[in-house]
Amino acid sequence: MEIVRSSIIGGIAATAVLTALLLVSDSLIGGTSPFVFATFMSLCAIGGPPYCEPSSLMATAMTFLSFLALFALAWPLLFGAFTWGLPGESGLTHGAVFGLVLYAGYVGTVLYGIGIGGETVAENLPLLAVMVFAYLAYGLVLGGVYDRLAAHRTFLSPNPD
């Protein structure tokens, strides 16, 4: 299967796992916004006042759609383009590394938000702890599915002969 299709199918599977983990963690952590997804991005800066109200249907829908576009399309295509450069011999290892790189970017945005928002690290610690596992699971599923479908490089890939 071609690289783009393998990446997108892997991204859809990984996004489904990530979404399930986020919904479960949102119910367990409690006190967060309607979805943990709101921690990924703020559409208020992009779309203006209609997207600033966290309880509005438009803001929730746009946040979820942008979440899907990022995690089901953009990150998987980036993964497919650079998976050969990641350390490790298997798609699972490549996916785990990729997930941890994404998590590092997430931590950077959280720390930036703490710096300008007056929150503390202690308030965000439960979410940061859950997110490392969520991003790792995302990367493992993305790398594993990609590896099975790409059929061009690692031990999980079916032999085309």
N, C-alpha and C. Protein backbone atom coordinates (compact mmCIF):
# COMPACT_ATOMS: atom_id res chain seq x y z
N MET A 1 0.85 -1.17 0.00
CA MET A 1 0.00 0.00 0.00
C MET A 1 0.91 1.24 0.00
N GLU A 2 0.50 2.26 -0.66
CA GLU A 2 1.33 3.45 -0.77
C GLU A 2 1.48 4.16 0.58
N ILE A 3 2.51 4.97 0.67
CA ILE A 3 2.87 5.63 1.93
C ILE A 3 1.76 6.56 2.43
N VAL A 4 1.17 7.35 1.56
CA VAL A 4 0.14 8.31 1.98
C VAL A 4 -1.07 7.57 2.53
N ARG A 5 -1.53 6.58 1.83
CA ARG A 5 -2.71 5.83 2.29
C ARG A 5 -2.40 5.11 3.60
N SER A 6 -1.22 4.52 3.72
CA SER A 6 -0.83 3.86 4.96
C SER A 6 -0.79 4.85 6.11
N SER A 7 -0.27 6.04 5.85
CA SER A 7 -0.19 7.07 6.90
C SER A 7 -1.58 7.50 7.36
N ILE A 8 -2.46 7.75 6.42
CA ILE A 8 -3.79 8.24 6.78
C ILE A 8 -4.61 7.16 7.50
N ILE A 9 -4.54 5.92 7.04
CA ILE A 9 -5.25 4.84 7.73
C ILE A 9 -4.69 4.66 9.14
N GLY A 10 -3.36 4.70 9.26
CA GLY A 10 -2.74 4.64 10.58
C GLY A 10 -3.15 5.81 11.45
N GLY A 11 -3.24 7.00 10.85
CA GLY A 11 -3.65 8.19 11.59
C GLY A 11 -5.08 8.10 12.08
N ILE A 12 -5.96 7.56 11.26
CA ILE A 12 -7.37 7.40 11.67
C ILE A 12 -7.47 6.42 12.84
N ALA A 13 -6.75 5.30 12.74
CA ALA A 13 -6.77 4.32 13.84
C ALA A 13 -6.17 4.92 15.11
N ALA A 14 -5.05 5.61 14.97
CA ALA A 14 -4.39 6.22 16.14
C ALA A 14 -5.25 7.32 16.74
N THR A 15 -5.93 8.09 15.92
CA THR A 15 -6.80 9.15 16.42
C THR A 15 -7.99 8.58 17.17
N ALA A 16 -8.51 7.45 16.70
CA ALA A 16 -9.61 6.79 17.42
C ALA A 16 -9.16 6.36 18.81
N VAL A 17 -7.96 5.79 18.90
CA VAL A 17 -7.43 5.38 20.20
C VAL A 17 -7.18 6.60 21.08
N LEU A 18 -6.57 7.63 20.52
CA LEU A 18 -6.30 8.85 21.28
C LEU A 18 -7.59 9.49 21.77
N THR A 19 -8.60 9.54 20.92
CA THR A 19 -9.89 10.12 21.29
C THR A 19 -10.51 9.35 22.45
N ALA A 20 -10.48 8.03 22.38
CA ALA A 20 -11.02 7.21 23.46
C ALA A 20 -10.27 7.47 24.76
N LEU A 21 -8.95 7.52 24.69
CA LEU A 21 -8.15 7.79 25.89
C LEU A 21 -8.46 9.18 26.46
N LEU A 22 -8.61 10.16 25.60
CA LEU A 22 -8.90 11.51 26.07
C LEU A 22 -10.28 11.61 26.70
N LEU A 23 -11.25 10.94 26.12
CA LEU A 23 -12.60 10.96 26.70
C LEU A 23 -12.63 10.28 28.07
N VAL A 24 -11.92 9.17 28.19
CA VAL A 24 -11.85 8.47 29.48
C VAL A 24 -11.11 9.34 30.50
N SER A 25 -9.98 9.91 30.09
CA SER A 25 -9.22 10.75 31.02
C SER A 25 -9.99 12.00 31.41
N ASP A 26 -10.77 12.54 30.49
CA ASP A 26 -11.58 13.71 30.80
C ASP A 26 -12.61 13.38 31.87
N SER A 27 -13.19 12.21 31.80
CA SER A 27 -14.17 11.83 32.82
C SER A 27 -13.51 11.50 34.15
N LEU A 28 -12.28 10.98 34.11
CA LEU A 28 -11.59 10.63 35.35
C LEU A 28 -10.98 11.84 36.04
N ILE A 29 -10.37 12.73 35.26
CA ILE A 29 -9.73 13.91 35.85
C ILE A 29 -10.77 14.88 36.32
N GLY A 30 -11.77 15.12 35.51
CA GLY A 30 -12.85 16.04 35.87
C GLY A 30 -12.35 17.46 36.05
N GLY A 31 -13.25 18.38 35.99
CA GLY A 31 -12.89 19.77 36.20
C GLY A 31 -12.22 20.42 35.01
N THR A 32 -11.99 19.67 33.96
CA THR A 32 -11.40 20.27 32.77
C THR A 32 -12.54 20.81 31.91
N SER A 33 -12.19 21.37 30.79
CA SER A 33 -13.21 21.89 29.88
C SER A 33 -14.03 20.72 29.33
N PRO A 34 -15.12 20.99 28.57
CA PRO A 34 -15.99 19.90 28.12
C PRO A 34 -15.23 18.73 27.52
N PHE A 35 -14.18 18.98 26.83
CA PHE A 35 -13.31 17.92 26.33
C PHE A 35 -11.88 18.28 26.67
N VAL A 36 -11.07 17.29 26.86
CA VAL A 36 -9.64 17.55 27.01
C VAL A 36 -9.11 18.11 25.70
N PHE A 37 -9.86 17.91 24.61
CA PHE A 37 -9.44 18.40 23.30
C PHE A 37 -9.20 19.91 23.31
N ALA A 38 -9.91 20.62 24.16
CA ALA A 38 -9.77 22.07 24.19
C ALA A 38 -8.37 22.48 24.61
N THR A 39 -7.62 21.57 25.23
CA THR A 39 -6.26 21.91 25.62
C THR A 39 -5.31 21.90 24.43
N PHE A 40 -5.74 21.34 23.32
CA PHE A 40 -4.86 21.26 22.16
C PHE A 40 -4.71 22.58 21.43
N MET A 41 -5.76 23.32 21.34
CA MET A 41 -5.68 24.56 20.57
C MET A 41 -6.83 25.48 20.94
N SER A 42 -6.63 26.73 20.73
CA SER A 42 -7.69 27.69 20.98
C SER A 42 -8.08 28.32 19.66
N LEU A 43 -9.29 28.06 19.24
CA LEU A 43 -9.77 28.63 17.99
C LEU A 43 -10.21 30.07 18.17
N CYS A 44 -10.23 30.54 19.41
CA CYS A 44 -10.63 31.92 19.69
C CYS A 44 -9.72 32.90 18.97
N ALA A 45 -8.42 32.61 18.98
CA ALA A 45 -7.46 33.51 18.33
C ALA A 45 -7.62 33.48 16.81
N ILE A 46 -8.07 32.35 16.28
CA ILE A 46 -8.20 32.21 14.83
C ILE A 46 -9.55 32.72 14.34
N GLY A 47 -10.63 32.28 14.99
CA GLY A 47 -11.97 32.56 14.48
C GLY A 47 -12.68 33.73 15.10
N GLY A 48 -12.16 34.26 16.18
CA GLY A 48 -12.80 35.41 16.81
C GLY A 48 -13.88 35.02 17.80
N PRO A 49 -14.71 35.99 18.19
CA PRO A 49 -15.69 35.81 19.27
C PRO A 49 -16.62 34.60 19.17
N PRO A 50 -17.11 34.20 18.00
CA PRO A 50 -18.03 33.04 17.99
C PRO A 50 -17.37 31.76 18.51
N TYR A 51 -16.05 31.69 18.43
CA TYR A 51 -15.34 30.48 18.85
C TYR A 51 -14.76 30.60 20.24
N CYS A 52 -14.99 31.70 20.94
CA CYS A 52 -14.39 31.92 22.25
C CYS A 52 -15.20 31.33 23.39
N GLU A 53 -16.46 31.10 23.19
CA GLU A 53 -17.30 30.56 24.26
C GLU A 53 -17.12 29.04 24.31
N PRO A 54 -16.55 28.52 25.41
CA PRO A 54 -16.26 27.08 25.47
C PRO A 54 -17.51 26.21 25.41
N SER A 55 -18.65 26.73 25.80
CA SER A 55 -19.85 25.90 25.79
C SER A 55 -20.63 25.98 24.48
N SER A 56 -20.18 26.81 23.54
CA SER A 56 -20.93 26.93 22.30
C SER A 56 -20.72 25.70 21.41
N LEU A 57 -21.76 25.34 20.70
CA LEU A 57 -21.69 24.19 19.81
C LEU A 57 -20.69 24.42 18.69
N MET A 58 -20.61 25.64 18.16
CA MET A 58 -19.68 25.95 17.09
C MET A 58 -18.23 25.78 17.55
N ALA A 59 -17.91 26.28 18.73
CA ALA A 59 -16.55 26.17 19.25
C ALA A 59 -16.17 24.71 19.46
N THR A 60 -17.07 23.92 20.01
CA THR A 60 -16.80 22.50 20.24
C THR A 60 -16.62 21.77 18.92
N ALA A 61 -17.49 22.02 17.96
CA ALA A 61 -17.39 21.35 16.66
C ALA A 61 -16.10 21.73 15.93
N MET A 62 -15.76 23.00 15.94
CA MET A 62 -14.55 23.45 15.25
C MET A 62 -13.28 22.91 15.93
N THR A 63 -13.29 22.85 17.25
CA THR A 63 -12.15 22.30 17.97
C THR A 63 -11.99 20.82 17.64
N PHE A 64 -13.10 20.08 17.62
CA PHE A 64 -13.03 18.67 17.31
C PHE A 64 -12.61 18.43 15.86
N LEU A 65 -13.11 19.23 14.92
CA LEU A 65 -12.71 19.08 13.52
C LEU A 65 -11.23 19.41 13.32
N SER A 66 -10.76 20.44 13.98
CA SER A 66 -9.34 20.78 13.85
C SER A 66 -8.47 19.72 14.52
N PHE A 67 -8.96 19.14 15.61
CA PHE A 67 -8.27 18.03 16.26
C PHE A 67 -8.15 16.85 15.30
N LEU A 68 -9.25 16.51 14.63
CA LEU A 68 -9.23 15.40 13.67
C LEU A 68 -8.30 15.69 12.49
N ALA A 69 -8.34 16.91 11.98
CA ALA A 69 -7.47 17.25 10.85
C ALA A 69 -6.00 17.15 11.24
N LEU A 70 -5.69 17.58 12.44
CA LEU A 70 -4.30 17.54 12.89
C LEU A 70 -3.83 16.11 13.15
N PHE A 71 -4.62 15.34 13.90
CA PHE A 71 -4.18 14.02 14.33
C PHE A 71 -4.48 12.89 13.36
N ALA A 72 -5.47 13.06 12.48
CA ALA A 72 -5.78 12.00 11.52
C ALA A 72 -5.14 12.25 10.16
N LEU A 73 -4.76 13.50 9.88
CA LEU A 73 -4.16 13.80 8.58
C LEU A 73 -2.75 14.38 8.66
N ALA A 74 -2.60 15.50 9.35
CA ALA A 74 -1.33 16.22 9.32
C ALA A 74 -0.19 15.43 9.97
N TRP A 75 -0.37 15.03 11.23
CA TRP A 75 0.71 14.29 11.91
C TRP A 75 1.02 12.97 11.22
N PRO A 76 0.03 12.18 10.80
CA PRO A 76 0.37 10.93 10.11
C PRO A 76 1.14 11.14 8.80
N LEU A 77 0.79 12.18 8.05
CA LEU A 77 1.54 12.43 6.81
C LEU A 77 2.97 12.85 7.12
N LEU A 78 3.15 13.63 8.18
CA LEU A 78 4.51 13.98 8.60
C LEU A 78 5.26 12.74 9.05
N PHE A 79 4.59 11.88 9.78
CA PHE A 79 5.20 10.62 10.22
C PHE A 79 5.62 9.78 9.02
N GLY A 80 4.74 9.63 8.03
CA GLY A 80 5.06 8.85 6.84
C GLY A 80 6.24 9.42 6.07
N ALA A 81 6.37 10.74 6.09
CA ALA A 81 7.47 11.37 5.35
C ALA A 81 8.81 11.21 6.05
N PHE A 82 8.79 11.14 7.39
CA PHE A 82 10.06 11.14 8.12
C PHE A 82 10.28 9.90 8.97
N THR A 83 9.46 8.88 8.81
CA THR A 83 9.61 7.69 9.65
C THR A 83 10.96 7.01 9.45
N TRP A 84 11.49 7.09 8.26
CA TRP A 84 12.79 6.47 7.99
C TRP A 84 13.91 7.13 8.79
N GLY A 85 13.73 8.37 9.21
CA GLY A 85 14.77 9.08 9.95
C GLY A 85 14.66 8.94 11.46
N LEU A 86 13.60 8.30 11.93
CA LEU A 86 13.44 8.13 13.37
C LEU A 86 14.26 6.94 13.85
N PRO A 87 14.74 6.98 15.08
CA PRO A 87 15.53 5.86 15.58
C PRO A 87 14.67 4.61 15.77
N GLY A 88 15.31 3.46 15.61
CA GLY A 88 14.62 2.19 15.80
C GLY A 88 14.49 1.41 14.51
N GLU A 89 14.13 0.15 14.67
CA GLU A 89 14.02 -0.74 13.52
C GLU A 89 12.58 -1.08 13.15
N SER A 90 11.64 -0.77 14.00
CA SER A 90 10.25 -1.15 13.72
C SER A 90 9.36 0.07 13.68
N GLY A 91 8.19 -0.10 13.09
CA GLY A 91 7.21 0.97 13.07
C GLY A 91 6.73 1.32 14.47
N LEU A 92 6.67 0.32 15.35
CA LEU A 92 6.26 0.58 16.73
C LEU A 92 7.26 1.51 17.43
N THR A 93 8.53 1.26 17.22
CA THR A 93 9.56 2.11 17.82
C THR A 93 9.50 3.50 17.21
N HIS A 94 9.39 3.57 15.91
CA HIS A 94 9.29 4.87 15.24
C HIS A 94 8.06 5.63 15.74
N GLY A 95 6.94 4.92 15.89
CA GLY A 95 5.72 5.55 16.38
C GLY A 95 5.85 6.04 17.81
N ALA A 96 6.50 5.25 18.66
CA ALA A 96 6.71 5.66 20.06
C ALA A 96 7.57 6.92 20.12
N VAL A 97 8.63 6.96 19.34
CA VAL A 97 9.48 8.16 19.30
C VAL A 97 8.68 9.35 18.78
N PHE A 98 7.92 9.15 17.73
CA PHE A 98 7.11 10.22 17.16
C PHE A 98 6.08 10.73 18.18
N GLY A 99 5.43 9.83 18.88
CA GLY A 99 4.47 10.22 19.91
C GLY A 99 5.13 11.03 21.02
N LEU A 100 6.33 10.64 21.42
CA LEU A 100 7.03 11.39 22.47
C LEU A 100 7.50 12.76 21.98
N VAL A 101 7.83 12.86 20.70
CA VAL A 101 8.18 14.17 20.14
C VAL A 101 6.95 15.08 20.15
N LEU A 102 5.80 14.54 19.75
CA LEU A 102 4.56 15.31 19.81
C LEU A 102 4.23 15.72 21.24
N TYR A 103 4.46 14.81 22.18
CA TYR A 103 4.22 15.12 23.59
C TYR A 103 5.12 16.26 24.06
N ALA A 104 6.37 16.26 23.63
CA ALA A 104 7.29 17.34 24.00
C ALA A 104 6.77 18.69 23.51
N GLY A 105 6.21 18.70 22.31
CA GLY A 105 5.60 19.93 21.80
C GLY A 105 4.39 20.32 22.61
N TYR A 106 3.60 19.34 23.03
CA TYR A 106 2.43 19.61 23.86
C TYR A 106 2.85 20.20 25.20
N VAL A 107 3.88 19.63 25.81
CA VAL A 107 4.37 20.14 27.09
C VAL A 107 4.85 21.58 26.92
N GLY A 108 5.51 21.86 25.80
CA GLY A 108 5.95 23.23 25.55
C GLY A 108 4.79 24.21 25.49
N THR A 109 3.70 23.82 24.85
CA THR A 109 2.55 24.72 24.78
C THR A 109 1.88 24.87 26.14
N VAL A 110 1.85 23.80 26.93
CA VAL A 110 1.28 23.90 28.27
C VAL A 110 2.13 24.82 29.14
N LEU A 111 3.43 24.66 29.08
CA LEU A 111 4.31 25.52 29.87
C LEU A 111 4.21 26.97 29.43
N TYR A 112 4.07 27.20 28.14
CA TYR A 112 3.86 28.56 27.64
C TYR A 112 2.54 29.12 28.18
N GLY A 113 1.50 28.29 28.17
CA GLY A 113 0.21 28.72 28.70
C GLY A 113 0.27 29.01 30.19
N ILE A 114 1.08 28.24 30.91
CA ILE A 114 1.26 28.49 32.34
C ILE A 114 1.94 29.83 32.54
N GLY A 115 2.92 30.12 31.70
CA GLY A 115 3.65 31.38 31.83
C GLY A 115 2.80 32.60 31.60
N ILE A 116 1.83 32.51 30.68
CA ILE A 116 1.01 33.70 30.39
C ILE A 116 -0.36 33.64 31.04
N GLY A 117 -0.77 32.47 31.54
CA GLY A 117 -2.13 32.34 32.05
C GLY A 117 -2.27 32.34 33.55
N GLY A 118 -1.17 32.33 34.28
CA GLY A 118 -1.25 32.36 35.73
C GLY A 118 -1.55 31.01 36.37
N GLU A 119 -1.62 29.93 35.58
CA GLU A 119 -1.83 28.61 36.15
C GLU A 119 -0.51 28.10 36.71
N THR A 120 -0.58 27.02 37.46
CA THR A 120 0.64 26.43 38.01
C THR A 120 0.86 25.06 37.39
N VAL A 121 2.08 24.57 37.51
CA VAL A 121 2.40 23.24 37.02
C VAL A 121 1.60 22.19 37.79
N ALA A 122 1.40 22.41 39.08
CA ALA A 122 0.66 21.45 39.90
C ALA A 122 -0.78 21.28 39.41
N GLU A 123 -1.39 22.36 38.93
CA GLU A 123 -2.75 22.26 38.40
C GLU A 123 -2.80 21.44 37.13
N ASN A 124 -1.73 21.46 36.36
CA ASN A 124 -1.68 20.76 35.07
C ASN A 124 -1.01 19.39 35.15
N LEU A 125 -0.46 19.03 36.29
CA LEU A 125 0.29 17.78 36.41
C LEU A 125 -0.54 16.54 36.10
N PRO A 126 -1.78 16.40 36.61
CA PRO A 126 -2.55 15.20 36.25
C PRO A 126 -2.77 15.07 34.74
N LEU A 127 -3.08 16.17 34.10
CA LEU A 127 -3.30 16.15 32.65
C LEU A 127 -2.00 15.83 31.91
N LEU A 128 -0.89 16.39 32.35
CA LEU A 128 0.40 16.10 31.71
C LEU A 128 0.76 14.63 31.86
N ALA A 129 0.47 14.05 33.01
CA ALA A 129 0.77 12.63 33.23
C ALA A 129 -0.07 11.74 32.32
N VAL A 130 -1.35 12.05 32.19
CA VAL A 130 -2.23 11.27 31.32
C VAL A 130 -1.82 11.43 29.86
N MET A 131 -1.45 12.63 29.50
CA MET A 131 -1.14 12.91 28.10
C MET A 131 0.11 12.18 27.60
N VAL A 132 1.08 11.92 28.46
CA VAL A 132 2.25 11.18 28.00
C VAL A 132 1.83 9.78 27.55
N PHE A 133 0.92 9.16 28.27
CA PHE A 133 0.43 7.84 27.88
C PHE A 133 -0.44 7.92 26.63
N ALA A 134 -1.24 8.97 26.53
CA ALA A 134 -2.11 9.14 25.35
C ALA A 134 -1.27 9.33 24.09
N TYR A 135 -0.25 10.18 24.16
CA TYR A 135 0.60 10.40 23.00
C TYR A 135 1.43 9.17 22.66
N LEU A 136 1.86 8.44 23.68
CA LEU A 136 2.61 7.21 23.42
C LEU A 136 1.72 6.18 22.73
N ALA A 137 0.48 6.05 23.20
CA ALA A 137 -0.46 5.12 22.56
C ALA A 137 -0.75 5.56 21.13
N TYR A 138 -0.92 6.87 20.92
CA TYR A 138 -1.15 7.40 19.57
C TYR A 138 0.02 7.00 18.65
N GLY A 139 1.23 7.23 19.11
CA GLY A 139 2.40 6.91 18.30
C GLY A 139 2.54 5.42 18.03
N LEU A 140 2.29 4.60 19.03
CA LEU A 140 2.39 3.15 18.84
C LEU A 140 1.38 2.64 17.83
N VAL A 141 0.15 3.10 17.93
CA VAL A 141 -0.87 2.67 16.97
C VAL A 141 -0.55 3.19 15.57
N LEU A 142 -0.16 4.46 15.48
CA LEU A 142 0.19 5.04 14.18
C LEU A 142 1.34 4.26 13.54
N GLY A 143 2.40 4.03 14.30
CA GLY A 143 3.56 3.31 13.77
C GLY A 143 3.25 1.87 13.44
N GLY A 144 2.46 1.20 14.28
CA GLY A 144 2.13 -0.20 14.03
C GLY A 144 1.26 -0.39 12.80
N VAL A 145 0.23 0.42 12.67
CA VAL A 145 -0.66 0.31 11.50
C VAL A 145 0.09 0.71 10.24
N TYR A 146 0.84 1.79 10.30
CA TYR A 146 1.62 2.21 9.14
C TYR A 146 2.57 1.10 8.71
N ASP A 147 3.22 0.50 9.68
CA ASP A 147 4.19 -0.55 9.40
C ASP A 147 3.53 -1.76 8.73
N ARG A 148 2.35 -2.12 9.19
CA ARG A 148 1.66 -3.26 8.59
C ARG A 148 1.22 -2.97 7.16
N LEU A 149 0.82 -1.73 6.88
CA LEU A 149 0.26 -1.40 5.58
C LEU A 149 1.29 -0.92 4.56
N ALA A 150 2.36 -0.31 5.02
CA ALA A 150 3.32 0.30 4.10
C ALA A 150 4.09 -0.74 3.30
N ALA A 151 4.35 -1.89 3.88
CA ALA A 151 4.99 -3.02 3.19
C ALA A 151 6.28 -2.63 2.51
N HIS A 152 7.09 -1.85 3.20
CA HIS A 152 8.34 -1.50 2.53
C HIS A 152 9.56 -1.42 3.43
N ARG A 153 9.42 -1.62 4.73
CA ARG A 153 10.65 -1.44 5.48
C ARG A 153 10.88 -2.26 6.71
N THR A 154 9.93 -2.63 7.52
CA THR A 154 10.28 -3.22 8.81
C THR A 154 9.72 -4.62 8.98
N PHE A 155 10.03 -5.23 10.11
CA PHE A 155 9.68 -6.62 10.32
C PHE A 155 8.19 -6.89 10.39
N LEU A 156 7.37 -5.92 10.72
CA LEU A 156 5.91 -6.13 10.74
C LEU A 156 5.28 -6.05 9.35
N SER A 157 6.01 -5.47 8.43
CA SER A 157 5.48 -5.35 7.07
C SER A 157 5.38 -6.71 6.42
N PRO A 158 4.24 -7.01 5.79
CA PRO A 158 4.13 -8.28 5.10
C PRO A 158 5.12 -8.35 3.93
N ASN A 159 5.67 -9.50 3.72
CA ASN A 159 6.63 -9.70 2.65
C ASN A 159 5.90 -9.70 1.31
N PRO A 160 6.25 -8.77 0.40
CA PRO A 160 5.53 -8.71 -0.88
C PRO A 160 5.82 -9.87 -1.82
N ASP A 161 6.83 -10.68 -1.53
CA ASP A 161 7.19 -11.82 -2.41
C ASP A 161 6.22 -12.95 -2.28
